[in-house]
Protein backbone atom coordinates (compact mmCIF):
# COMPACT_ATOMS: atom_id res chain seq x y z
CA MET A 1 4.06 -2.83 61.14
CA LYS A 2 5.82 -6.27 61.55
CA LEU A 3 2.33 -8.07 61.19
CA PHE A 4 1.96 -6.10 57.83
CA GLY A 5 5.08 -7.11 56.09
CA PHE A 6 4.58 -10.80 57.32
CA ILE A 7 1.76 -10.95 55.89
CA ALA A 8 2.88 -9.01 52.42
CA VAL A 9 5.47 -11.94 52.44
CA ILE A 10 3.11 -14.67 52.20
CA ILE A 11 1.06 -13.39 49.94
CA VAL A 12 3.54 -12.27 47.34
CA GLY A 13 5.50 -16.30 48.18
CA ALA A 14 1.85 -17.73 47.50
CA LEU A 15 1.79 -16.22 43.84
CA LEU A 16 5.52 -16.60 43.24
CA LEU A 17 4.85 -20.46 43.77
CA ALA A 18 1.10 -20.49 42.30
CA ALA A 19 3.01 -18.74 38.96
CA THR A 20 5.90 -21.60 39.05
CA GLY A 21 3.31 -24.61 37.48
CA ASP A 22 3.26 -22.60 34.08
CA PHE A 23 6.44 -22.70 33.91
CA PRO A 24 7.93 -25.12 31.44
CA ALA A 25 9.59 -28.26 32.29
CA TRP A 26 13.56 -28.42 32.70
CA GLY A 27 15.31 -29.30 29.48
CA ASP A 28 12.23 -29.11 27.69
CA ALA A 29 13.47 -28.71 24.16
CA GLY A 30 10.36 -27.25 23.26
CA SER A 31 10.05 -24.02 25.66
CA PRO A 32 9.90 -20.36 24.59
CA ALA A 33 13.50 -20.43 25.29
CA SER A 34 14.41 -23.14 23.70
CA GLN A 35 12.93 -21.80 20.15
CA GLY A 36 13.73 -18.43 20.32
CA GLN A 37 15.70 -16.87 17.12
CA VAL A 38 18.22 -15.15 19.64
CA SER A 39 18.41 -18.19 22.15
CA SER A 40 18.91 -20.39 19.36
CA PHE A 41 21.99 -18.63 17.90
CA TYR A 42 23.50 -18.42 21.26
CA ILE A 43 22.69 -22.07 21.83
CA GLU A 44 24.34 -22.74 18.33
CA GLN A 45 26.59 -20.31 17.46
CA THR A 46 28.49 -19.67 20.83
CA ILE A 47 31.34 -22.31 20.35
CA ASN A 48 32.18 -21.22 16.94
CA GLU A 49 31.89 -17.43 17.28
CA THR A 50 33.67 -17.04 20.56
CA LYS A 51 35.28 -20.27 21.28
CA VAL A 52 33.76 -20.31 24.79
CA PRO A 53 31.87 -23.27 25.79
CA ASN A 54 30.28 -21.45 28.85
CA MET A 55 27.32 -20.24 27.02
CA VAL A 56 26.51 -17.57 29.95
CA THR A 57 29.51 -16.22 30.05
CA ALA A 58 29.72 -15.69 26.53
CA VAL A 59 25.90 -13.77 26.44
CA LEU A 60 26.75 -11.98 29.64
CA ALA A 61 30.75 -10.52 28.10
CA ASP A 62 30.34 -10.60 25.15
CA PHE A 63 27.38 -10.74 23.17
CA ARG A 64 25.49 -8.37 25.72
CA GLY A 65 28.67 -6.79 26.96
CA TYR A 66 27.21 -3.35 27.08
CA ASP A 67 24.78 -4.64 29.70
CA THR A 68 27.06 -6.16 31.95
CA MET A 69 29.58 -2.98 31.79
CA PHE A 70 26.74 -0.75 32.64
CA GLU A 71 25.10 -3.59 35.61
CA THR A 72 29.22 -3.32 37.02
CA VAL A 73 28.32 0.66 36.86
CA VAL A 74 25.31 -0.05 38.83
CA ILE A 75 27.11 -2.56 41.24
CA PHE A 76 30.06 0.77 42.13
CA ILE A 77 26.87 3.23 41.98
CA ALA A 78 25.04 1.02 45.06
CA GLY A 79 28.37 1.02 46.92
CA ILE A 80 29.17 5.13 46.50
CA GLY A 81 25.28 5.45 47.05
CA ILE A 82 25.54 3.49 50.56
CA ILE A 83 29.01 4.87 51.61
CA ALA A 84 27.65 8.82 51.20
CA VAL A 85 24.37 7.70 53.07
CA LEU A 86 25.84 6.18 56.22
CA ARG A 87 29.74 7.10 56.03
CA THR A 88 30.74 9.74 59.24
CA PHE A 89 33.66 11.47 58.52
CA GLY A 90 36.17 13.32 61.01
CA ASP A 91 36.16 10.33 63.43
CA GLN A 92 39.65 9.69 64.99
CA ALA A 93 38.58 6.79 66.32
CA SER A 94 37.60 5.09 63.06
CA LYS A 95 41.10 5.10 61.64
CA ALA A 96 42.79 1.70 61.86
CA PRO A 97 45.41 0.64 64.15
CA ASP A 98 48.66 0.89 62.38
CA GLY A 99 50.51 -1.84 64.34
CA PRO A 100 50.11 -5.53 64.51
CA GLU A 101 47.73 -5.54 67.39
CA ALA A 102 45.24 -4.73 64.39
CA ASP A 103 44.98 -8.20 64.08
CA ASN A 104 44.22 -9.33 67.78
CA ASP A 105 41.51 -6.80 68.92
CA SER A 106 38.57 -9.33 68.84
CA GLY A 107 37.91 -12.88 67.92
CA ASP A 108 38.48 -16.10 69.22
CA LEU A 109 42.52 -17.80 68.53
CA ILE A 110 40.85 -20.51 67.36
CA VAL A 111 38.72 -18.85 64.96
CA ARG A 112 41.14 -16.32 64.31
CA THR A 113 43.61 -19.33 63.15
CA THR A 114 41.10 -21.11 61.67
CA CYS A 115 40.31 -17.85 59.17
CA HIS A 116 43.76 -17.54 58.79
CA MET A 117 43.98 -20.97 57.09
CA VAL A 118 40.50 -20.55 55.17
CA VAL A 119 40.89 -17.34 53.63
CA PRO A 120 44.03 -17.79 51.21
CA LEU A 121 42.12 -21.16 49.99
CA ILE A 122 38.97 -18.85 49.37
CA GLN A 123 40.50 -16.52 47.24
CA LEU A 124 42.51 -18.88 45.72
CA PHE A 125 39.65 -20.58 44.55
CA ALA A 126 37.74 -17.34 43.79
CA LEU A 127 41.04 -16.84 41.33
CA TYR A 128 40.31 -20.06 39.90
CA VAL A 129 36.71 -19.26 39.23
CA ILE A 130 37.34 -15.97 37.86
CA ALA A 131 39.91 -17.32 35.50
CA HIS A 132 38.06 -20.17 34.59
CA GLY A 133 34.65 -18.80 34.28
CA HIS A 134 34.36 -18.15 30.04
CA HIS A 135 35.71 -22.02 30.46
CA SER A 136 33.59 -23.73 33.21
CA PRO A 137 30.92 -22.41 35.91
CA GLY A 138 31.79 -19.24 37.06
CA GLY A 139 32.75 -15.43 36.12
CA GLY A 140 33.77 -12.05 37.37
CA PHE A 141 30.58 -11.93 39.64
CA GLN A 142 30.87 -14.98 41.02
CA GLY A 143 34.49 -14.86 41.71
CA GLY A 144 34.01 -11.05 42.91
CA VAL A 145 31.38 -12.01 45.17
CA MET A 146 34.04 -15.14 47.11
CA LEU A 147 36.78 -12.45 47.37
CA GLY A 148 34.33 -9.83 48.83
CA ALA A 149 33.37 -13.18 51.60
CA SER A 150 36.81 -13.96 52.16
CA TYR A 151 37.60 -9.97 53.28
CA ILE A 152 33.87 -10.00 55.47
CA LEU A 153 35.25 -13.46 56.98
CA PHE A 154 38.57 -12.16 57.64
CA ALA A 155 36.70 -9.04 59.52
CA LEU A 156 34.39 -11.07 61.43
CA ALA A 157 36.85 -13.47 62.66
CA CYS A 158 39.79 -10.80 63.56
CA GLY A 159 38.09 -7.60 63.59
CA LEU A 160 37.29 -5.13 61.17
CA PRO A 161 40.46 -2.48 62.08
CA ALA A 162 42.50 -5.87 60.34
CA ALA A 163 40.53 -6.49 57.56
CA LYS A 164 41.24 -2.66 56.83
CA ARG A 165 44.62 -2.77 56.72
CA ARG A 166 43.76 -5.30 53.97
CA MET A 167 41.24 -3.81 52.24
CA GLY A 168 41.05 0.16 53.15
CA GLU A 169 38.16 2.60 51.95
CA ARG A 170 40.13 4.52 50.05
CA ARG A 171 42.25 1.39 48.54
CA ALA A 172 38.22 -0.17 48.04
CA ILE A 173 36.77 2.58 46.34
CA ILE A 174 40.20 2.81 44.15
CA ILE A 175 39.75 -1.12 42.95
CA ALA A 176 36.25 -0.54 42.33
CA ALA A 177 36.87 2.80 39.68
CA ALA A 178 39.99 0.52 38.61
CA GLY A 179 36.74 -2.63 37.34
CA ILE A 180 35.08 -0.13 36.01
CA ILE A 181 37.95 1.37 34.44
CA ILE A 182 39.25 -1.86 33.03
CA TYR A 183 36.46 -3.06 31.44
CA ALA A 184 35.08 0.96 29.45
CA GLY A 185 38.88 0.87 28.72
CA TRP A 186 38.84 -2.46 26.85
CA GLY A 187 36.04 -0.97 24.97
CA VAL A 188 38.07 1.81 24.07
CA ALA A 189 41.16 -0.40 22.98
CA CYS A 190 38.71 -1.99 20.39
CA LEU A 191 37.62 1.75 19.14
CA LEU A 192 41.38 2.23 18.82
CA LEU A 193 41.94 -0.51 16.68
CA GLY A 194 39.03 0.29 14.67
CA GLY A 195 36.16 -1.80 15.92
CA ASN A 196 33.38 -0.48 17.59
CA PHE A 197 32.81 -0.37 21.17
CA LEU A 198 33.43 -3.61 22.88
CA ASP A 199 33.73 -5.79 19.57
CA TYR A 200 36.55 -7.84 20.78
CA THR A 201 37.49 -9.06 17.48
CA SER A 202 38.97 -6.08 16.16
CA LEU A 203 41.69 -6.81 19.03
CA ASP A 204 43.07 -10.20 17.03
CA PRO A 205 46.00 -8.20 16.11
CA ILE A 206 47.42 -7.42 19.87
CA LEU A 207 45.98 -10.67 20.70
CA PRO A 208 47.07 -14.55 20.30
CA GLY A 209 45.06 -16.73 17.89
CA ASP A 210 42.36 -15.67 15.38
CA GLU A 211 39.38 -13.39 16.12
CA GLN A 212 37.80 -15.57 17.67
CA MET A 213 40.19 -16.30 20.35
CA ALA A 214 40.08 -12.61 20.85
CA ARG A 215 36.99 -12.39 21.84
CA SER A 216 37.84 -15.56 24.17
CA HIS A 217 40.48 -13.95 25.79
CA SER A 218 39.12 -10.62 25.98
CA MET A 219 36.06 -12.09 27.91
CA LEU A 220 38.59 -12.87 30.47
CA VAL A 221 39.44 -9.13 30.75
CA VAL A 222 36.34 -7.64 31.26
CA GLU A 223 35.59 -10.69 33.85
CA ILE A 224 38.53 -9.18 35.92
CA GLY A 225 37.36 -6.16 35.38
CA VAL A 226 34.23 -7.03 36.96
CA ALA A 227 35.46 -8.99 39.70
CA PHE A 228 37.14 -5.85 40.55
CA THR A 229 34.31 -3.92 41.46
CA VAL A 230 32.15 -6.51 42.70
CA THR A 231 35.09 -7.75 45.43
CA ALA A 232 35.71 -3.81 46.79
CA ILE A 233 31.53 -2.79 46.57
CA MET A 234 31.15 -5.93 48.78
CA PHE A 235 33.47 -5.22 51.49
CA ALA A 236 32.93 -1.40 51.71
CA ILE A 237 29.05 -2.07 51.86
CA TYR A 238 29.37 -4.71 54.83
CA SER A 239 31.85 -2.25 56.75
CA ASN A 240 29.50 0.48 56.13
CA LEU A 241 26.21 -1.19 57.48
CA SER A 242 27.92 -2.90 60.05
CA THR A 243 29.23 -0.38 61.43
CA ARG A 244 26.67 2.19 60.62
CA GLY A 245 29.47 4.40 58.69
CA ARG A 246 31.86 4.53 61.09
CA LEU A 247 34.09 2.22 60.26
CA GLU A 248 35.15 0.60 63.44
CA LYS A 249 34.80 -2.44 65.34
CA GLY A 250 31.86 -3.84 62.92
CA LEU A 251 30.20 -7.27 64.10
């Protein structure tokens, strides 16, 4: 079976590498992606329509807001599905200790100390990536992955029980659901103000600036919702996969 899998990977990899020969050159102005009506509109009008210099974020969080919202829902469903399949309930040993000794149940002292120093920096940069995702490379998905990775790093260095004291299972599910509620709720707010769902221009009366700035501010709000869901689900998936659903000890 391993040999069959290895051969399949080699064949598929070779086909993918062979297909790259048909790709247009990097930055080719004559490529189909640059000549299409939709892509041309994004390239030429994004900054005028949304006041957002990051075209990718404008496409994901504004022009294709429906798609991104349901991508976030898919991430949430994937996490809940993994929890439903792997999670084993009723095991009292899986409960995290309440005392400070939970921080000292695993890991080397140097590793734990370094982790306590590095994790806040990772989380601070992740917040920057989320907050500036519509003006520079980044966004809710990228920042959420970084935040989730910081909790996973903490679990690897200090033990899963210590990490659960900061991001427990119930808290993770609540945060993940809150992210979707923030995203969808912002769309409902657009409806209440007379616009279409996720039509951010209708929020101009309650947001500073003009209609274009309302779209810019709204992208930040929905990116925060995405970050909530990605962060919580990423750590929940790690917690269940690393413990086979028991949520104790971990890797």
